[in-house]
Amino acid sequence: MILERGGNDSFNIAAITEVDANGNPSKFGNLINVNKDTGIWGNSGINISTSVFQNQSNWNAPKLTTTLGGQNIHGIFAGLFHSKWYCNYGSLIKLEK
């Protein structure tokens, strides 16, 4: 499951198809683009505010740098049903390359 604040970012994803003897991913499926403009992010209805902490090498500890207003959490479930399909809140949706 991929969760994102606001549901307004695109991303790329690929299935891990093989791991090496140490359990590290060694082969991957085709890279699939999930474009923010397709409207496929599912809105959870859960609204959160976010505090952003940053740390610089010359600081003694992380500092609160800003607090962002509330945004809904959106999500996508990426399943292995078929190489070009995924399930989003119970609906199968075809991914286009």
N, C-alpha and C. Protein backbone atom coordinates (compact mmCIF):
# COMPACT_ATOMS: atom_id res chain seq x y z
N MET A 1 0.85 -1.16 0.00
CA MET A 1 0.00 0.00 0.00
C MET A 1 0.89 1.23 0.00
N ILE A 2 0.57 2.18 -0.85
CA ILE A 2 1.28 3.45 -0.91
C ILE A 2 0.31 4.51 -0.39
N LEU A 3 0.71 5.23 0.65
CA LEU A 3 -0.11 6.31 1.20
C LEU A 3 0.59 7.63 0.94
N GLU A 4 -0.20 8.66 0.63
CA GLU A 4 0.39 9.95 0.27
C GLU A 4 -0.51 11.07 0.76
N ARG A 5 0.10 12.07 1.35
CA ARG A 5 -0.63 13.23 1.85
C ARG A 5 -1.09 14.07 0.68
N GLY A 6 -2.39 14.19 0.50
CA GLY A 6 -2.95 15.00 -0.58
C GLY A 6 -3.23 14.21 -1.84
N GLY A 7 -2.59 13.07 -2.04
CA GLY A 7 -2.82 12.25 -3.23
C GLY A 7 -2.53 12.97 -4.52
N ASN A 8 -1.50 13.80 -4.53
CA ASN A 8 -1.24 14.63 -5.71
C ASN A 8 0.16 14.46 -6.27
N ASP A 9 0.79 13.33 -6.00
CA ASP A 9 2.14 13.09 -6.53
C ASP A 9 2.15 11.85 -7.41
N SER A 10 2.90 11.92 -8.49
CA SER A 10 3.13 10.76 -9.35
C SER A 10 4.29 9.96 -8.78
N PHE A 11 4.37 8.67 -9.13
CA PHE A 11 5.51 7.86 -8.73
C PHE A 11 5.66 6.69 -9.69
N ASN A 12 6.80 6.03 -9.64
CA ASN A 12 7.06 4.83 -10.42
C ASN A 12 7.20 3.66 -9.46
N ILE A 13 6.77 2.47 -9.91
CA ILE A 13 6.83 1.28 -9.08
C ILE A 13 7.15 0.08 -9.95
N ALA A 14 7.87 -0.88 -9.39
CA ALA A 14 8.17 -2.14 -10.09
C ALA A 14 8.13 -3.27 -9.07
N ALA A 15 7.66 -4.43 -9.52
CA ALA A 15 7.63 -5.61 -8.65
C ALA A 15 9.03 -6.18 -8.52
N ILE A 16 9.35 -6.68 -7.34
CA ILE A 16 10.60 -7.42 -7.13
C ILE A 16 10.32 -8.85 -7.59
N THR A 17 11.06 -9.32 -8.60
CA THR A 17 10.81 -10.65 -9.16
C THR A 17 11.83 -11.69 -8.74
N GLU A 18 12.93 -11.25 -8.13
CA GLU A 18 13.95 -12.20 -7.67
C GLU A 18 14.79 -11.56 -6.58
N VAL A 19 15.20 -12.38 -5.63
CA VAL A 19 16.11 -11.92 -4.58
C VAL A 19 17.37 -12.79 -4.60
N ASP A 20 18.48 -12.23 -4.14
CA ASP A 20 19.74 -12.98 -4.09
C ASP A 20 19.81 -13.81 -2.81
N ALA A 21 20.92 -14.49 -2.61
CA ALA A 21 21.10 -15.38 -1.46
C ALA A 21 21.00 -14.64 -0.12
N ASN A 22 21.26 -13.33 -0.12
CA ASN A 22 21.18 -12.52 1.10
C ASN A 22 19.79 -11.92 1.32
N GLY A 23 18.86 -12.20 0.40
CA GLY A 23 17.52 -11.65 0.52
C GLY A 23 17.37 -10.26 -0.06
N ASN A 24 18.38 -9.77 -0.79
CA ASN A 24 18.32 -8.45 -1.41
C ASN A 24 17.70 -8.55 -2.80
N PRO A 25 16.86 -7.59 -3.18
CA PRO A 25 16.27 -7.61 -4.53
C PRO A 25 17.37 -7.63 -5.59
N SER A 26 17.22 -8.53 -6.58
CA SER A 26 18.22 -8.62 -7.64
C SER A 26 17.62 -8.49 -9.04
N LYS A 27 16.32 -8.70 -9.19
CA LYS A 27 15.64 -8.50 -10.47
C LYS A 27 14.29 -7.85 -10.21
N PHE A 28 13.87 -7.05 -11.19
CA PHE A 28 12.63 -6.29 -11.04
C PHE A 28 11.77 -6.44 -12.29
N GLY A 29 10.46 -6.29 -12.12
CA GLY A 29 9.54 -6.26 -13.24
C GLY A 29 9.62 -4.91 -13.94
N ASN A 30 8.74 -4.74 -14.92
CA ASN A 30 8.71 -3.48 -15.66
C ASN A 30 8.35 -2.32 -14.74
N LEU A 31 8.99 -1.19 -14.96
CA LEU A 31 8.70 0.03 -14.21
C LEU A 31 7.37 0.59 -14.70
N ILE A 32 6.46 0.84 -13.77
CA ILE A 32 5.13 1.36 -14.11
C ILE A 32 4.98 2.73 -13.48
N ASN A 33 4.53 3.70 -14.29
CA ASN A 33 4.30 5.05 -13.81
C ASN A 33 2.87 5.18 -13.33
N VAL A 34 2.68 5.65 -12.10
CA VAL A 34 1.35 5.99 -11.59
C VAL A 34 1.29 7.51 -11.61
N ASN A 35 0.56 8.04 -12.58
CA ASN A 35 0.53 9.47 -12.83
C ASN A 35 -0.52 10.14 -11.95
N LYS A 36 -0.15 11.24 -11.33
CA LYS A 36 -1.05 11.96 -10.43
C LYS A 36 -2.30 12.48 -11.14
N ASP A 37 -2.23 12.66 -12.46
CA ASP A 37 -3.34 13.25 -13.20
C ASP A 37 -4.42 12.24 -13.59
N THR A 38 -4.22 10.94 -13.29
CA THR A 38 -5.22 9.94 -13.66
C THR A 38 -6.37 9.86 -12.67
N GLY A 39 -6.24 10.49 -11.51
CA GLY A 39 -7.30 10.48 -10.52
C GLY A 39 -7.49 9.14 -9.84
N ILE A 40 -6.43 8.34 -9.74
CA ILE A 40 -6.57 7.00 -9.19
C ILE A 40 -6.26 6.91 -7.70
N TRP A 41 -5.77 7.99 -7.09
CA TRP A 41 -5.55 7.96 -5.64
C TRP A 41 -6.90 7.85 -4.95
N GLY A 42 -7.04 6.91 -4.02
CA GLY A 42 -8.27 6.79 -3.24
C GLY A 42 -8.20 7.65 -1.99
N ASN A 43 -9.23 8.45 -1.74
CA ASN A 43 -9.25 9.35 -0.58
C ASN A 43 -9.72 8.57 0.65
N SER A 44 -8.89 8.53 1.68
CA SER A 44 -9.22 7.78 2.90
C SER A 44 -10.22 8.51 3.78
N GLY A 45 -10.35 9.83 3.59
CA GLY A 45 -11.19 10.62 4.47
C GLY A 45 -10.52 10.95 5.79
N ILE A 46 -9.27 10.52 5.96
CA ILE A 46 -8.51 10.80 7.18
C ILE A 46 -7.67 12.05 6.94
N ASN A 47 -7.84 13.05 7.78
CA ASN A 47 -7.15 14.32 7.61
C ASN A 47 -6.10 14.46 8.71
N ILE A 48 -4.86 14.77 8.33
CA ILE A 48 -3.81 14.96 9.33
C ILE A 48 -3.06 16.26 9.07
N SER A 49 -2.53 16.81 10.13
CA SER A 49 -1.60 17.93 10.03
C SER A 49 -0.20 17.35 10.20
N THR A 50 0.79 17.99 9.60
CA THR A 50 2.15 17.45 9.61
C THR A 50 3.13 18.47 10.18
N SER A 51 3.97 18.02 11.08
CA SER A 51 5.08 18.83 11.57
C SER A 51 6.35 18.36 10.87
N VAL A 52 7.13 19.29 10.35
CA VAL A 52 8.35 18.96 9.61
C VAL A 52 9.56 19.27 10.49
N PHE A 53 10.37 18.26 10.71
CA PHE A 53 11.62 18.42 11.45
C PHE A 53 12.77 18.24 10.47
N GLN A 54 13.81 19.06 10.62
CA GLN A 54 15.01 18.94 9.80
C GLN A 54 16.22 18.91 10.71
N ASN A 55 17.30 18.35 10.18
CA ASN A 55 18.55 18.31 10.92
C ASN A 55 19.68 18.67 9.98
N GLN A 56 20.51 19.58 10.37
CA GLN A 56 21.69 19.98 9.61
C GLN A 56 22.92 19.47 10.34
N SER A 57 24.00 19.27 9.63
CA SER A 57 25.22 18.73 10.24
C SER A 57 25.76 19.63 11.36
N ASN A 58 25.48 20.93 11.30
CA ASN A 58 25.98 21.84 12.33
C ASN A 58 24.97 22.08 13.47
N TRP A 59 23.84 21.36 13.46
CA TRP A 59 22.86 21.47 14.54
C TRP A 59 23.10 20.36 15.56
N ASN A 60 22.75 20.63 16.82
CA ASN A 60 22.89 19.63 17.88
C ASN A 60 21.79 18.57 17.82
N ALA A 61 20.62 18.95 17.29
CA ALA A 61 19.47 18.04 17.25
C ALA A 61 18.51 18.51 16.17
N PRO A 62 17.59 17.65 15.74
CA PRO A 62 16.58 18.08 14.77
C PRO A 62 15.76 19.24 15.32
N LYS A 63 15.31 20.12 14.42
CA LYS A 63 14.50 21.27 14.81
C LYS A 63 13.19 21.27 14.03
N LEU A 64 12.13 21.70 14.70
CA LEU A 64 10.85 21.90 14.03
C LEU A 64 11.01 23.09 13.10
N THR A 65 10.80 22.87 11.79
CA THR A 65 10.98 23.97 10.83
C THR A 65 9.66 24.53 10.31
N THR A 66 8.61 23.72 10.32
CA THR A 66 7.30 24.23 9.89
C THR A 66 6.22 23.24 10.29
N THR A 67 4.99 23.72 10.36
CA THR A 67 3.82 22.87 10.57
C THR A 67 2.88 23.12 9.40
N LEU A 68 2.53 22.05 8.71
CA LEU A 68 1.67 22.16 7.53
C LEU A 68 0.22 21.95 7.94
N GLY A 69 -0.68 22.62 7.24
CA GLY A 69 -2.10 22.46 7.50
C GLY A 69 -2.57 21.06 7.17
N GLY A 70 -3.79 20.75 7.56
CA GLY A 70 -4.34 19.42 7.35
C GLY A 70 -4.54 19.08 5.89
N GLN A 71 -4.25 17.84 5.55
CA GLN A 71 -4.53 17.29 4.22
C GLN A 71 -5.02 15.87 4.38
N ASN A 72 -5.92 15.46 3.49
CA ASN A 72 -6.41 14.08 3.51
C ASN A 72 -5.31 13.14 3.05
N ILE A 73 -5.32 11.94 3.62
CA ILE A 73 -4.40 10.88 3.21
C ILE A 73 -5.09 10.10 2.09
N HIS A 74 -4.40 9.90 0.99
CA HIS A 74 -4.90 9.12 -0.13
C HIS A 74 -4.03 7.88 -0.26
N GLY A 75 -4.54 6.84 -0.87
CA GLY A 75 -3.77 5.61 -0.97
C GLY A 75 -4.07 4.79 -2.19
N ILE A 76 -3.12 3.93 -2.52
CA ILE A 76 -3.24 2.97 -3.62
C ILE A 76 -2.70 1.65 -3.11
N PHE A 77 -3.40 0.55 -3.39
CA PHE A 77 -2.89 -0.78 -3.08
C PHE A 77 -2.32 -1.36 -4.36
N ALA A 78 -1.05 -1.66 -4.36
CA ALA A 78 -0.38 -2.23 -5.53
C ALA A 78 -0.27 -3.73 -5.33
N GLY A 79 -1.10 -4.49 -6.01
CA GLY A 79 -1.10 -5.94 -5.88
C GLY A 79 -0.47 -6.61 -7.09
N LEU A 80 -0.30 -7.91 -7.00
CA LEU A 80 0.31 -8.68 -8.08
C LEU A 80 -0.73 -9.50 -8.83
N PHE A 81 -1.89 -8.91 -9.07
CA PHE A 81 -2.95 -9.62 -9.76
C PHE A 81 -2.58 -9.90 -11.21
N HIS A 82 -2.02 -8.93 -11.86
CA HIS A 82 -1.60 -9.02 -13.26
C HIS A 82 -0.61 -7.90 -13.45
N SER A 83 0.34 -8.07 -14.33
CA SER A 83 1.42 -7.09 -14.45
C SER A 83 0.94 -5.70 -14.82
N LYS A 84 -0.26 -5.57 -15.39
CA LYS A 84 -0.73 -4.24 -15.78
C LYS A 84 -1.95 -3.81 -14.98
N TRP A 85 -2.25 -4.50 -13.88
CA TRP A 85 -3.43 -4.18 -13.09
C TRP A 85 -3.04 -3.99 -11.63
N TYR A 86 -3.79 -3.21 -10.92
CA TYR A 86 -3.62 -3.12 -9.47
C TYR A 86 -5.00 -2.91 -8.86
N CYS A 87 -5.10 -3.09 -7.58
CA CYS A 87 -6.37 -2.97 -6.88
C CYS A 87 -6.36 -1.70 -6.03
N ASN A 88 -7.35 -0.86 -6.20
CA ASN A 88 -7.45 0.39 -5.45
C ASN A 88 -8.79 0.39 -4.73
N TYR A 89 -8.76 0.22 -3.41
CA TYR A 89 -9.98 0.18 -2.60
C TYR A 89 -11.02 -0.78 -3.17
N GLY A 90 -10.57 -1.98 -3.55
CA GLY A 90 -11.48 -3.02 -4.00
C GLY A 90 -11.82 -2.98 -5.48
N SER A 91 -11.38 -1.99 -6.23
CA SER A 91 -11.65 -1.91 -7.66
C SER A 91 -10.39 -2.21 -8.44
N LEU A 92 -10.49 -3.11 -9.42
CA LEU A 92 -9.34 -3.36 -10.29
C LEU A 92 -9.25 -2.26 -11.32
N ILE A 93 -8.07 -1.69 -11.47
CA ILE A 93 -7.86 -0.60 -12.41
C ILE A 93 -6.67 -0.95 -13.28
N LYS A 94 -6.80 -0.73 -14.60
CA LYS A 94 -5.71 -1.04 -15.52
C LYS A 94 -4.72 0.12 -15.57
N LEU A 95 -3.43 -0.21 -15.46
CA LEU A 95 -2.37 0.79 -15.59
C LEU A 95 -1.97 0.88 -17.04
N GLU A 96 -1.86 2.06 -17.55
CA GLU A 96 -1.40 2.29 -18.92
C GLU A 96 0.03 2.76 -18.88
N LYS A 97 0.84 2.26 -19.81
CA LYS A 97 2.24 2.69 -19.87
C LYS A 97 2.36 3.88 -20.79
